Amino acid sequence: MFASPAFAQSTGAAAQGSGGFMPLLLQMAPLILIFGIFYLLLIRPQQKRMKEQRQLIDSAKKGDVVVTAGGLIGKVVKVDGEEVELELGPNVKVRAVKSTLSDVRSGSKPAND
């Protein structure tokens, strides 16, 4: 039932340290390669897309038609730092934080006009 002490011992060749930097590097190479591919295919393009989206939102100006994260489409009436005032329809104005804008459509008319 119990393992004898002979089974718990390691062989002489395996007990000796293989020593050196190269075997460790060869073991880590696949992980480093996977991380590199992951960075090039996923992380870098996402960061680029986020940077372009931030520039687009920061460039919102009076007269632009924008879409909010909630799906509202309105025309920018006034820009105050990090806030914008949107006209959603005749005599309907709301204030929104710039970071909640999801798209800026420069110079086009809102769908409800």
PDB file of N, CA and C in Angstrom:
ATOM      1  N   MET A   1       0.793  -1.187   0.000  1.00  0.00           N
ATOM      2  CA  MET A   1       0.000   0.000   0.000  1.00  0.00           C
ATOM      3  C   MET A   1       0.841   1.259   0.000  1.00  0.00           C
ATOM      4  N   PHE A   2       1.873   1.284   0.829  1.00  0.00           N
ATOM      5  CA  PHE A   2       2.716   2.462   0.891  1.00  0.00           C
ATOM      6  C   PHE A   2       3.877   2.315  -0.079  1.00  0.00           C
ATOM      7  N   ALA A   3       4.308   3.425  -0.615  1.00  0.00           N
ATOM      8  CA  ALA A   3       5.448   3.402  -1.534  1.00  0.00           C
ATOM      9  C   ALA A   3       6.719   3.138  -0.739  1.00  0.00           C
ATOM     10  N   SER A   4       7.534   2.316  -1.272  1.00  0.00           N
ATOM     11  CA  SER A   4       8.793   2.035  -0.594  1.00  0.00           C
ATOM     12  C   SER A   4       9.741   3.211  -0.807  1.00  0.00           C
ATOM     13  N   PRO A   5      10.709   3.404   0.079  1.00  0.00           N
ATOM     14  CA  PRO A   5      11.641   4.531  -0.065  1.00  0.00           C
ATOM     15  C   PRO A   5      12.403   4.508  -1.376  1.00  0.00           C
ATOM     16  N   ALA A   6      12.505   3.362  -1.996  1.00  0.00           N
ATOM     17  CA  ALA A   6      13.240   3.285  -3.253  1.00  0.00           C
ATOM     18  C   ALA A   6      12.521   4.032  -4.363  1.00  0.00           C
ATOM     19  N   PHE A   7      11.196   4.061  -4.351  1.00  0.00           N
ATOM     20  CA  PHE A   7      10.447   4.759  -5.395  1.00  0.00           C
ATOM     21  C   PHE A   7      10.503   6.271  -5.218  1.00  0.00           C
ATOM     22  N   ALA A   8      10.693   6.725  -3.998  1.00  0.00           N
ATOM     23  CA  ALA A   8      10.707   8.155  -3.737  1.00  0.00           C
ATOM     24  C   ALA A   8      12.039   8.796  -4.082  1.00  0.00           C
ATOM     25  N   GLN A   9      13.065   7.998  -4.282  1.00  0.00           N
ATOM     26  CA  GLN A   9      14.375   8.550  -4.602  1.00  0.00           C
ATOM     27  C   GLN A   9      14.467   8.844  -6.093  1.00  0.00           C
ATOM     28  N   SER A  10      15.243   9.859  -6.410  1.00  0.00           N
ATOM     29  CA  SER A  10      15.422  10.193  -7.820  1.00  0.00           C
ATOM     30  C   SER A  10      16.672   9.489  -8.328  1.00  0.00           C
ATOM     31  N   THR A  11      16.753   9.384  -9.628  1.00  0.00           N
ATOM     32  CA  THR A  11      17.931   8.751 -10.222  1.00  0.00           C
ATOM     33  C   THR A  11      19.108   9.700 -10.140  1.00  0.00           C
ATOM     34  N   GLY A  12      20.270   9.194 -10.279  1.00  0.00           N
ATOM     35  CA  GLY A  12      21.476  10.007 -10.159  1.00  0.00           C
ATOM     36  C   GLY A  12      21.564  11.090 -11.213  1.00  0.00           C
ATOM     37  N   ALA A  13      21.203  10.800 -12.456  1.00  0.00           N
ATOM     38  CA  ALA A  13      21.318  11.774 -13.543  1.00  0.00           C
ATOM     39  C   ALA A  13      20.313  12.904 -13.373  1.00  0.00           C
ATOM     40  N   ALA A  14      19.112  12.579 -12.934  1.00  0.00           N
ATOM     41  CA  ALA A  14      18.087  13.605 -12.777  1.00  0.00           C
ATOM     42  C   ALA A  14      18.348  14.446 -11.546  1.00  0.00           C
ATOM     43  N   ALA A  15      19.006  13.916 -10.553  1.00  0.00           N
ATOM     44  CA  ALA A  15      19.266  14.654  -9.333  1.00  0.00           C
ATOM     45  C   ALA A  15      20.324  15.723  -9.554  1.00  0.00           C
ATOM     46  N   GLN A  16      21.204  15.517 -10.492  1.00  0.00           N
ATOM     47  CA  GLN A  16      22.246  16.495 -10.744  1.00  0.00           C
ATOM     48  C   GLN A  16      21.632  17.689 -11.470  1.00  0.00           C
ATOM     49  N   GLY A  17      22.040  18.882 -11.072  1.00  0.00           N
ATOM     50  CA  GLY A  17      21.540  20.083 -11.741  1.00  0.00           C
ATOM     51  C   GLY A  17      22.084  20.150 -13.153  1.00  0.00           C
ATOM     52  N   SER A  18      21.218  20.450 -14.107  1.00  0.00           N
ATOM     53  CA  SER A  18      21.690  20.551 -15.481  1.00  0.00           C
ATOM     54  C   SER A  18      22.531  21.805 -15.644  1.00  0.00           C
ATOM     55  N   GLY A  19      22.325  22.773 -14.736  1.00  0.00           N
ATOM     56  CA  GLY A  19      23.170  23.957 -14.673  1.00  0.00           C
ATOM     57  C   GLY A  19      23.207  24.734 -15.972  1.00  0.00           C
ATOM     58  N   GLY A  20      23.449  26.006 -15.846  1.00  0.00           N
ATOM     59  CA  GLY A  20      23.619  26.836 -17.024  1.00  0.00           C
ATOM     60  C   GLY A  20      22.393  27.669 -17.338  1.00  0.00           C
ATOM     61  N   PHE A  21      22.625  28.651 -18.125  1.00  0.00           N
ATOM     62  CA  PHE A  21      21.598  29.619 -18.504  1.00  0.00           C
ATOM     63  C   PHE A  21      20.791  29.163 -19.719  1.00  0.00           C
ATOM     64  N   MET A  22      21.412  28.454 -20.621  1.00  0.00           N
ATOM     65  CA  MET A  22      20.758  28.068 -21.875  1.00  0.00           C
ATOM     66  C   MET A  22      19.545  27.153 -21.680  1.00  0.00           C
ATOM     67  N   PRO A  23      19.613  26.123 -20.838  1.00  0.00           N
ATOM     68  CA  PRO A  23      18.410  25.301 -20.661  1.00  0.00           C
ATOM     69  C   PRO A  23      17.228  26.100 -20.107  1.00  0.00           C
ATOM     70  N   LEU A  24      17.508  27.028 -19.210  1.00  0.00           N
ATOM     71  CA  LEU A  24      16.446  27.873 -18.680  1.00  0.00           C
ATOM     72  C   LEU A  24      15.869  28.760 -19.786  1.00  0.00           C
ATOM     73  N   LEU A  25      16.738  29.306 -20.605  1.00  0.00           N
ATOM     74  CA  LEU A  25      16.295  30.150 -21.719  1.00  0.00           C
ATOM     75  C   LEU A  25      15.452  29.351 -22.715  1.00  0.00           C
ATOM     76  N   LEU A  26      15.857  28.118 -22.981  1.00  0.00           N
ATOM     77  CA  LEU A  26      15.100  27.283 -23.910  1.00  0.00           C
ATOM     78  C   LEU A  26      13.725  26.932 -23.345  1.00  0.00           C
ATOM     79  N   GLN A  27      13.627  26.796 -22.025  1.00  0.00           N
ATOM     80  CA  GLN A  27      12.326  26.528 -21.428  1.00  0.00           C
ATOM     81  C   GLN A  27      11.430  27.763 -21.476  1.00  0.00           C
ATOM     82  N   MET A  28      12.016  28.939 -21.349  1.00  0.00           N
ATOM     83  CA  MET A  28      11.241  30.183 -21.325  1.00  0.00           C
ATOM     84  C   MET A  28      10.921  30.700 -22.726  1.00  0.00           C
ATOM     85  N   ALA A  29      11.626  30.244 -23.747  1.00  0.00           N
ATOM     86  CA  ALA A  29      11.452  30.753 -25.100  1.00  0.00           C
ATOM     87  C   ALA A  29      10.012  30.658 -25.612  1.00  0.00           C
ATOM     88  N   PRO A  30       9.306  29.540 -25.423  1.00  0.00           N
ATOM     89  CA  PRO A  30       7.923  29.496 -25.912  1.00  0.00           C
ATOM     90  C   PRO A  30       7.016  30.521 -25.216  1.00  0.00           C
ATOM     91  N   LEU A  31       7.218  30.731 -23.924  1.00  0.00           N
ATOM     92  CA  LEU A  31       6.407  31.715 -23.207  1.00  0.00           C
ATOM     93  C   LEU A  31       6.693  33.131 -23.701  1.00  0.00           C
ATOM     94  N   ILE A  32       7.960  33.411 -23.920  1.00  0.00           N
ATOM     95  CA  ILE A  32       8.330  34.730 -24.424  1.00  0.00           C
ATOM     96  C   ILE A  32       7.764  34.937 -25.831  1.00  0.00           C
ATOM     97  N   LEU A  33       7.820  33.919 -26.646  1.00  0.00           N
ATOM     98  CA  LEU A  33       7.284  33.993 -28.006  1.00  0.00           C
ATOM     99  C   LEU A  33       5.771  34.204 -27.991  1.00  0.00           C
ATOM    100  N   ILE A  34       5.063  33.487 -27.134  1.00  0.00           N
ATOM    101  CA  ILE A  34       3.605  33.639 -27.031  1.00  0.00           C
ATOM    102  C   ILE A  34       3.256  35.046 -26.572  1.00  0.00           C
ATOM    103  N   PHE A  35       3.971  35.566 -25.572  1.00  0.00           N
ATOM    104  CA  PHE A  35       3.708  36.926 -25.110  1.00  0.00           C
ATOM    105  C   PHE A  35       3.970  37.943 -26.212  1.00  0.00           C
ATOM    106  N   GLY A  36       5.045  37.760 -26.984  1.00  0.00           N
ATOM    107  CA  GLY A  36       5.360  38.675 -28.072  1.00  0.00           C
ATOM    108  C   GLY A  36       4.271  38.701 -29.138  1.00  0.00           C
ATOM    109  N   ILE A  37       3.790  37.532 -29.506  1.00  0.00           N
ATOM    110  CA  ILE A  37       2.708  37.450 -30.499  1.00  0.00           C
ATOM    111  C   ILE A  37       1.431  38.067 -29.942  1.00  0.00           C
ATOM    112  N   PHE A  38       1.146  37.783 -28.677  1.00  0.00           N
ATOM    113  CA  PHE A  38      -0.038  38.348 -28.014  1.00  0.00           C
ATOM    114  C   PHE A  38       0.025  39.871 -28.024  1.00  0.00           C
ATOM    115  N   TYR A  39       1.204  40.421 -27.730  1.00  0.00           N
ATOM    116  CA  TYR A  39       1.378  41.873 -27.721  1.00  0.00           C
ATOM    117  C   TYR A  39       1.159  42.452 -29.113  1.00  0.00           C
ATOM    118  N   LEU A  40       1.771  41.851 -30.116  1.00  0.00           N
ATOM    119  CA  LEU A  40       1.675  42.389 -31.471  1.00  0.00           C
ATOM    120  C   LEU A  40       0.277  42.282 -32.063  1.00  0.00           C
ATOM    121  N   LEU A  41      -0.432  41.204 -31.760  1.00  0.00           N
ATOM    122  CA  LEU A  41      -1.742  40.993 -32.383  1.00  0.00           C
ATOM    123  C   LEU A  41      -2.915  41.564 -31.593  1.00  0.00           C
ATOM    124  N   LEU A  42      -2.776  41.723 -30.271  1.00  0.00           N
ATOM    125  CA  LEU A  42      -3.913  42.165 -29.473  1.00  0.00           C
ATOM    126  C   LEU A  42      -3.685  43.478 -28.729  1.00  0.00           C
ATOM    127  N   ILE A  43      -2.624  43.565 -27.976  1.00  0.00           N
ATOM    128  CA  ILE A  43      -2.438  44.723 -27.097  1.00  0.00           C
ATOM    129  C   ILE A  43      -2.131  45.985 -27.893  1.00  0.00           C
ATOM    130  N   ARG A  44      -1.173  45.927 -28.790  1.00  0.00           N
ATOM    131  CA  ARG A  44      -0.756  47.114 -29.536  1.00  0.00           C
ATOM    132  C   ARG A  44      -1.873  47.701 -30.405  1.00  0.00           C
ATOM    133  N   PRO A  45      -2.599  46.897 -31.181  1.00  0.00           N
ATOM    134  CA  PRO A  45      -3.701  47.485 -31.967  1.00  0.00           C
ATOM    135  C   PRO A  45      -4.806  48.081 -31.090  1.00  0.00           C
ATOM    136  N   GLN A  46      -5.081  47.458 -29.944  1.00  0.00           N
ATOM    137  CA  GLN A  46      -6.109  47.989 -29.053  1.00  0.00           C
ATOM    138  C   GLN A  46      -5.683  49.343 -28.489  1.00  0.00           C
ATOM    139  N   GLN A  47      -4.428  49.491 -28.107  1.00  0.00           N
ATOM    140  CA  GLN A  47      -3.938  50.764 -27.604  1.00  0.00           C
ATOM    141  C   GLN A  47      -4.004  51.843 -28.672  1.00  0.00           C
ATOM    142  N   LYS A  48      -3.690  51.482 -29.908  1.00  0.00           N
ATOM    143  CA  LYS A  48      -3.757  52.436 -31.014  1.00  0.00           C
ATOM    144  C   LYS A  48      -5.203  52.875 -31.248  1.00  0.00           C
ATOM    145  N   ARG A  49      -6.131  51.925 -31.216  1.00  0.00           N
ATOM    146  CA  ARG A  49      -7.542  52.231 -31.417  1.00  0.00           C
ATOM    147  C   ARG A  49      -8.067  53.140 -30.302  1.00  0.00           C
ATOM    148  N   MET A  50      -7.659  52.876 -29.061  1.00  0.00           N
ATOM    149  CA  MET A  50      -8.096  53.708 -27.937  1.00  0.00           C
ATOM    150  C   MET A  50      -7.553  55.129 -28.054  1.00  0.00           C
ATOM    151  N   LYS A  51      -6.312  55.260 -28.520  1.00  0.00           N
ATOM    152  CA  LYS A  51      -5.715  56.579 -28.690  1.00  0.00           C
ATOM    153  C   LYS A  51      -6.461  57.371 -29.767  1.00  0.00           C
ATOM    154  N   GLU A  52      -6.794  56.730 -30.885  1.00  0.00           N
ATOM    155  CA  GLU A  52      -7.541  57.396 -31.955  1.00  0.00           C
ATOM    156  C   GLU A  52      -8.933  57.797 -31.482  1.00  0.00           C
ATOM    157  N   GLN A  53      -9.594  56.934 -30.700  1.00  0.00           N
ATOM    158  CA  GLN A  53     -10.928  57.231 -30.173  1.00  0.00           C
ATOM    159  C   GLN A  53     -10.871  58.436 -29.233  1.00  0.00           C
ATOM    160  N   ARG A  54      -9.863  58.493 -28.375  1.00  0.00           N
ATOM    161  CA  ARG A  54      -9.706  59.614 -27.438  1.00  0.00           C
ATOM    162  C   ARG A  54      -9.486  60.908 -28.204  1.00  0.00           C
ATOM    163  N   GLN A  55      -8.659  60.892 -29.257  1.00  0.00           N
ATOM    164  CA  GLN A  55      -8.415  62.091 -30.057  1.00  0.00           C
ATOM    165  C   GLN A  55      -9.695  62.548 -30.755  1.00  0.00           C
ATOM    166  N   LEU A  56     -10.477  61.597 -31.249  1.00  0.00           N
ATOM    167  CA  LEU A  56     -11.733  61.923 -31.921  1.00  0.00           C
ATOM    168  C   LEU A  56     -12.698  62.594 -30.956  1.00  0.00           C
ATOM    169  N   ILE A  57     -12.821  62.061 -29.764  1.00  0.00           N
ATOM    170  CA  ILE A  57     -13.746  62.616 -28.770  1.00  0.00           C
ATOM    171  C   ILE A  57     -13.265  63.983 -28.298  1.00  0.00           C
ATOM    172  N   ASP A  58     -11.953  64.127 -28.070  1.00  0.00           N
ATOM    173  CA  ASP A  58     -11.423  65.414 -27.621  1.00  0.00           C
ATOM    174  C   ASP A  58     -11.563  66.497 -28.685  1.00  0.00           C
ATOM    175  N   SER A  59     -11.678  66.109 -29.954  1.00  0.00           N
ATOM    176  CA  SER A  59     -11.794  67.093 -31.023  1.00  0.00           C
ATOM    177  C   SER A  59     -13.244  67.509 -31.297  1.00  0.00           C
ATOM    178  N   ALA A  60     -14.196  67.029 -30.502  1.00  0.00           N
ATOM    179  CA  ALA A  60     -15.605  67.405 -30.700  1.00  0.00           C
ATOM    180  C   ALA A  60     -15.749  68.913 -30.512  1.00  0.00           C
ATOM    181  N   LYS A  61     -16.441  69.559 -31.464  1.00  0.00           N
ATOM    182  CA  LYS A  61     -16.619  71.005 -31.401  1.00  0.00           C
ATOM    183  C   LYS A  61     -18.065  71.355 -31.717  1.00  0.00           C
ATOM    184  N   LYS A  62     -18.376  72.605 -31.550  1.00  0.00           N
ATOM    185  CA  LYS A  62     -19.733  73.090 -31.790  1.00  0.00           C
ATOM    186  C   LYS A  62     -20.149  72.780 -33.229  1.00  0.00           C
ATOM    187  N   GLY A  63     -21.327  72.209 -33.398  1.00  0.00           N
ATOM    188  CA  GLY A  63     -21.847  71.882 -34.719  1.00  0.00           C
ATOM    189  C   GLY A  63     -21.672  70.426 -35.102  1.00  0.00           C
ATOM    190  N   ASP A  64     -20.823  69.695 -34.390  1.00  0.00           N
ATOM    191  CA  ASP A  64     -20.627  68.275 -34.688  1.00  0.00           C
ATOM    192  C   ASP A  64     -21.818  67.459 -34.190  1.00  0.00           C
ATOM    193  N   VAL A  65     -22.110  66.409 -34.894  1.00  0.00           N
ATOM    194  CA  VAL A  65     -23.133  65.462 -34.460  1.00  0.00           C
ATOM    195  C   VAL A  65     -22.403  64.316 -33.774  1.00  0.00           C
ATOM    196  N   VAL A  66     -22.852  63.983 -32.555  1.00  0.00           N
ATOM    197  CA  VAL A  66     -22.176  62.964 -31.758  1.00  0.00           C
ATOM    198  C   VAL A  66     -23.160  61.884 -31.338  1.00  0.00           C
ATOM    199  N   VAL A  67     -22.610  60.725 -31.009  1.00  0.00           N
ATOM    200  CA  VAL A  67     -23.391  59.615 -30.476  1.00  0.00           C
ATOM    201  C   VAL A  67     -22.861  59.339 -29.081  1.00  0.00           C
ATOM    202  N   THR A  68     -23.758  59.272 -28.096  1.00  0.00           N
ATOM    203  CA  THR A  68     -23.327  58.980 -26.733  1.00  0.00           C
ATOM    204  C   THR A  68     -23.269  57.475 -26.522  1.00  0.00           C
ATOM    205  N   ALA A  69     -22.670  57.073 -25.407  1.00  0.00           N
ATOM    206  CA  ALA A  69     -22.577  55.654 -25.085  1.00  0.00           C
ATOM    207  C   ALA A  69     -23.968  55.052 -24.877  1.00  0.00           C
ATOM    208  N   GLY A  70     -24.936  55.879 -24.510  1.00  0.00           N
ATOM    209  CA  GLY A  70     -26.306  55.410 -24.322  1.00  0.00           C
ATOM    210  C   GLY A  70     -27.088  55.318 -25.622  1.00  0.00           C
ATOM    211  N   GLY A  71     -26.486  55.742 -26.732  1.00  0.00           N
ATOM    212  CA  GLY A  71     -27.143  55.635 -28.025  1.00  0.00           C
ATOM    213  C   GLY A  71     -27.877  56.888 -28.465  1.00  0.00           C
ATOM    214  N   LEU A  72     -27.769  57.962 -27.701  1.00  0.00           N
ATOM    215  CA  LEU A  72     -28.425  59.207 -28.090  1.00  0.00           C
ATOM    216  C   LEU A  72     -27.598  59.920 -29.140  1.00  0.00           C
ATOM    217  N   ILE A  73     -28.276  60.455 -30.149  1.00  0.00           N
ATOM    218  CA  ILE A  73     -27.609  61.193 -31.212  1.00  0.00           C
ATOM    219  C   ILE A  73     -28.030  62.647 -31.085  1.00  0.00           C
ATOM    220  N   GLY A  74     -27.047  63.532 -31.014  1.00  0.00           N
ATOM    221  CA  GLY A  74     -27.365  64.948 -30.859  1.00  0.00           C
ATOM    222  C   GLY A  74     -26.291  65.824 -31.460  1.00  0.00           C
ATOM    223  N   LYS A  75     -26.626  67.096 -31.559  1.00  0.00           N
ATOM    224  CA  LYS A  75     -25.720  68.084 -32.125  1.00  0.00           C
ATOM    225  C   LYS A  75     -25.075  68.852 -30.976  1.00  0.00           C
ATOM    226  N   VAL A  76     -23.758  69.042 -31.054  1.00  0.00           N
ATOM    227  CA  VAL A  76     -23.040  69.767 -30.011  1.00  0.00           C
ATOM    228  C   VAL A  76     -23.374  71.251 -30.128  1.00  0.00           C
ATOM    229  N   VAL A  77     -23.888  71.818 -29.034  1.00  0.00           N
ATOM    230  CA  VAL A  77     -24.242  73.228 -28.995  1.00  0.00           C
ATOM    231  C   VAL A  77     -23.148  74.029 -28.301  1.00  0.00           C
ATOM    232  N   LYS A  78     -22.564  73.438 -27.244  1.00  0.00           N
ATOM    233  CA  LYS A  78     -21.547  74.152 -26.476  1.00  0.00           C
ATOM    234  C   LYS A  78     -20.569  73.146 -25.890  1.00  0.00           C
ATOM    235  N   VAL A  79     -19.279  73.513 -25.841  1.00  0.00           N
ATOM    236  CA  VAL A  79     -18.241  72.669 -25.247  1.00  0.00           C
ATOM    237  C   VAL A  79     -17.663  73.417 -24.052  1.00  0.00           C
ATOM    238  N   ASP A  80     -17.713  72.789 -22.874  1.00  0.00           N
ATOM    239  CA  ASP A  80     -17.151  73.357 -21.639  1.00  0.00           C
ATOM    240  C   ASP A  80     -16.147  72.383 -21.056  1.00  0.00           C
ATOM    241  N   GLY A  81     -14.905  72.463 -21.458  1.00  0.00           N
ATOM    242  CA  GLY A  81     -13.869  71.594 -20.901  1.00  0.00           C
ATOM    243  C   GLY A  81     -14.168  70.130 -21.147  1.00  0.00           C
ATOM    244  N   GLU A  82     -14.534  69.410 -20.081  1.00  0.00           N
ATOM    245  CA  GLU A  82     -14.818  67.978 -20.184  1.00  0.00           C
ATOM    246  C   GLU A  82     -16.298  67.682 -20.395  1.00  0.00           C
ATOM    247  N   GLU A  83     -17.121  68.721 -20.561  1.00  0.00           N
ATOM    248  CA  GLU A  83     -18.555  68.541 -20.775  1.00  0.00           C
ATOM    249  C   GLU A  83     -18.970  69.159 -22.102  1.00  0.00           C
ATOM    250  N   VAL A  84     -20.036  68.598 -22.666  1.00  0.00           N
ATOM    251  CA  VAL A  84     -20.621  69.164 -23.882  1.00  0.00           C
ATOM    252  C   VAL A  84     -22.128  69.296 -23.667  1.00  0.00           C
ATOM    253  N   GLU A  85     -22.697  70.291 -24.315  1.00  0.00           N
ATOM    254  CA  GLU A  85     -24.142  70.445 -24.288  1.00  0.00           C
ATOM    255  C   GLU A  85     -24.663  69.985 -25.636  1.00  0.00           C
ATOM    256  N   LEU A  86     -25.596  69.035 -25.616  1.00  0.00           N
ATOM    257  CA  LEU A  86     -26.125  68.437 -26.832  1.00  0.00           C
ATOM    258  C   LEU A  86     -27.569  68.850 -27.044  1.00  0.00           C
ATOM    259  N   GLU A  87     -27.898  69.094 -28.297  1.00  0.00           N
ATOM    260  CA  GLU A  87     -29.293  69.345 -28.658  1.00  0.00           C
ATOM    261  C   GLU A  87     -29.805  68.064 -29.303  1.00  0.00           C
ATOM    262  N   LEU A  88     -30.736  67.406 -28.595  1.00  0.00           N
ATOM    263  CA  LEU A  88     -31.272  66.140 -29.080  1.00  0.00           C
ATOM    264  C   LEU A  88     -32.462  66.336 -30.009  1.00  0.00           C
ATOM    265  N   GLY A  89     -33.134  67.426 -29.873  1.00  0.00           N
ATOM    266  CA  GLY A  89     -34.299  67.739 -30.697  1.00  0.00           C
ATOM    267  C   GLY A  89     -34.642  69.195 -30.484  1.00  0.00           C
ATOM    268  N   PRO A  90     -35.714  69.668 -31.108  1.00  0.00           N
ATOM    269  CA  PRO A  90     -36.108  71.064 -30.897  1.00  0.00           C
ATOM    270  C   PRO A  90     -36.409  71.318 -29.416  1.00  0.00           C
ATOM    271  N   ASN A  91     -35.728  72.297 -28.845  1.00  0.00           N
ATOM    272  CA  ASN A  91     -35.893  72.686 -27.441  1.00  0.00           C
ATOM    273  C   ASN A  91     -35.563  71.572 -26.449  1.00  0.00           C
ATOM    274  N   VAL A  92     -34.738  70.611 -26.819  1.00  0.00           N
ATOM    275  CA  VAL A  92     -34.319  69.542 -25.913  1.00  0.00           C
ATOM    276  C   VAL A  92     -32.792  69.546 -25.865  1.00  0.00           C
ATOM    277  N   LYS A  93     -32.269  70.044 -24.748  1.00  0.00           N
ATOM    278  CA  LYS A  93     -30.820  70.109 -24.592  1.00  0.00           C
ATOM    279  C   LYS A  93     -30.417  69.335 -23.346  1.00  0.00           C
ATOM    280  N   VAL A  94     -29.320  68.623 -23.445  1.00  0.00           N
ATOM    281  CA  VAL A  94     -28.772  67.875 -22.308  1.00  0.00           C
ATOM    282  C   VAL A  94     -27.279  68.138 -22.236  1.00  0.00           C
ATOM    283  N   ARG A  95     -26.742  67.943 -21.035  1.00  0.00           N
ATOM    284  CA  ARG A  95     -25.286  68.048 -20.856  1.00  0.00           C
ATOM    285  C   ARG A  95     -24.737  66.645 -20.699  1.00  0.00           C
ATOM    286  N   ALA A  96     -23.597  66.402 -21.303  1.00  0.00           N
ATOM    287  CA  ALA A  96     -22.958  65.087 -21.223  1.00  0.00           C
ATOM    288  C   ALA A  96     -21.466  65.266 -20.996  1.00  0.00           C
ATOM    289  N   VAL A  97     -20.871  64.311 -20.335  1.00  0.00           N
ATOM    290  CA  VAL A  97     -19.424  64.298 -20.133  1.00  0.00           C
ATOM    291  C   VAL A  97     -18.789  63.776 -21.419  1.00  0.00           C
ATOM    292  N   LYS A  98     -17.704  64.394 -21.845  1.00  0.00           N
ATOM    293  CA  LYS A  98     -17.060  64.011 -23.105  1.00  0.00           C
ATOM    294  C   LYS A  98     -16.679  62.533 -23.141  1.00  0.00           C
ATOM    295  N   SER A  99     -16.286  61.991 -21.999  1.00  0.00           N
ATOM    296  CA  SER A  99     -15.841  60.594 -21.987  1.00  0.00           C
ATOM    297  C   SER A  99     -16.978  59.621 -22.268  1.00  0.00           C
ATOM    298  N   THR A 100     -18.238  60.082 -22.206  1.00  0.00           N
ATOM    299  CA  THR A 100     -19.362  59.194 -22.516  1.00  0.00           C
ATOM    300  C   THR A 100     -19.721  59.215 -23.997  1.00  0.00           C
ATOM    301  N   LEU A 101     -19.036  60.040 -24.777  1.00  0.00           N
ATOM    302  CA  LEU A 101     -19.292  60.064 -26.220  1.00  0.00           C
ATOM    303  C   LEU A 101     -18.613  58.859 -26.857  1.00  0.00           C
ATOM    304  N   SER A 102     -19.298  58.240 -27.796  1.00  0.00           N
ATOM    305  CA  SER A 102     -18.709  57.071 -28.439  1.00  0.00           C
ATOM    306  C   SER A 102     -18.340  57.328 -29.895  1.00  0.00           C
ATOM    307  N   ASP A 103     -18.936  58.344 -30.511  1.00  0.00           N
ATOM    308  CA  ASP A 103     -18.625  58.626 -31.912  1.00  0.00           C
ATOM    309  C   ASP A 103     -18.864  60.100 -32.189  1.00  0.00           C
ATOM    310  N   VAL A 104     -18.056  60.669 -33.065  1.00  0.00           N
ATOM    311  CA  VAL A 104     -18.216  62.057 -33.498  1.00  0.00           C
ATOM    312  C   VAL A 104     -18.381  62.031 -35.004  1.00  0.00           C
ATOM    313  N   ARG A 105     -19.507  62.563 -35.456  1.00  0.00           N
ATOM    314  CA  ARG A 105     -19.785  62.645 -36.894  1.00  0.00           C
ATOM    315  C   ARG A 105     -19.760  64.101 -37.297  1.00  0.00           C
ATOM    316  N   SER A 106     -18.636  64.575 -37.763  1.00  0.00           N
ATOM    317  CA  SER A 106     -18.453  66.004 -38.048  1.00  0.00           C
ATOM    318  C   SER A 106     -19.321  66.444 -39.222  1.00  0.00           C
ATOM    319  N   GLY A 107     -20.042  67.537 -38.999  1.00  0.00           N
ATOM    320  CA  GLY A 107     -20.754  68.193 -40.071  1.00  0.00           C
ATOM    321  C   GLY A 107     -21.976  67.500 -40.631  1.00  0.00           C
ATOM    322  N   SER A 108     -22.362  66.340 -40.152  1.00  0.00           N
ATOM    323  CA  SER A 108     -23.559  65.680 -40.671  1.00  0.00           C
ATOM    324  C   SER A 108     -24.749  66.038 -39.809  1.00  0.00           C
ATOM    325  N   LYS A 109     -25.932  65.820 -40.318  1.00  0.00           N
ATOM    326  CA  LYS A 109     -27.146  66.144 -39.597  1.00  0.00           C
ATOM    327  C   LYS A 109     -27.604  64.942 -38.758  1.00  0.00           C
ATOM    328  N   PRO A 110     -28.189  65.193 -37.592  1.00  0.00           N
ATOM    329  CA  PRO A 110     -28.727  64.087 -36.798  1.00  0.00           C
ATOM    330  C   PRO A 110     -29.907  63.452 -37.525  1.00  0.00           C
ATOM    331  N   ALA A 111     -30.175  62.202 -37.231  1.00  0.00           N
ATOM    332  CA  ALA A 111     -31.221  61.444 -37.921  1.00  0.00           C
ATOM    333  C   ALA A 111     -32.614  61.978 -37.648  1.00  0.00           C
ATOM    334  N   ASN A 112     -32.806  62.696 -36.513  1.00  0.00           N
ATOM    335  CA  ASN A 112     -34.159  63.147 -36.163  1.00  0.00           C
ATOM    336  C   ASN A 112     -34.534  64.482 -36.781  1.00  0.00           C
ATOM    337  N   ASP A 113     -33.669  65.111 -37.558  1.00  0.00           N
ATOM    338  CA  ASP A 113     -34.004  66.405 -38.199  1.00  0.00           C
ATOM    339  C   ASP A 113     -34.547  66.193 -39.592  1.00  0.00           C
TER     340      ASP A 113
END
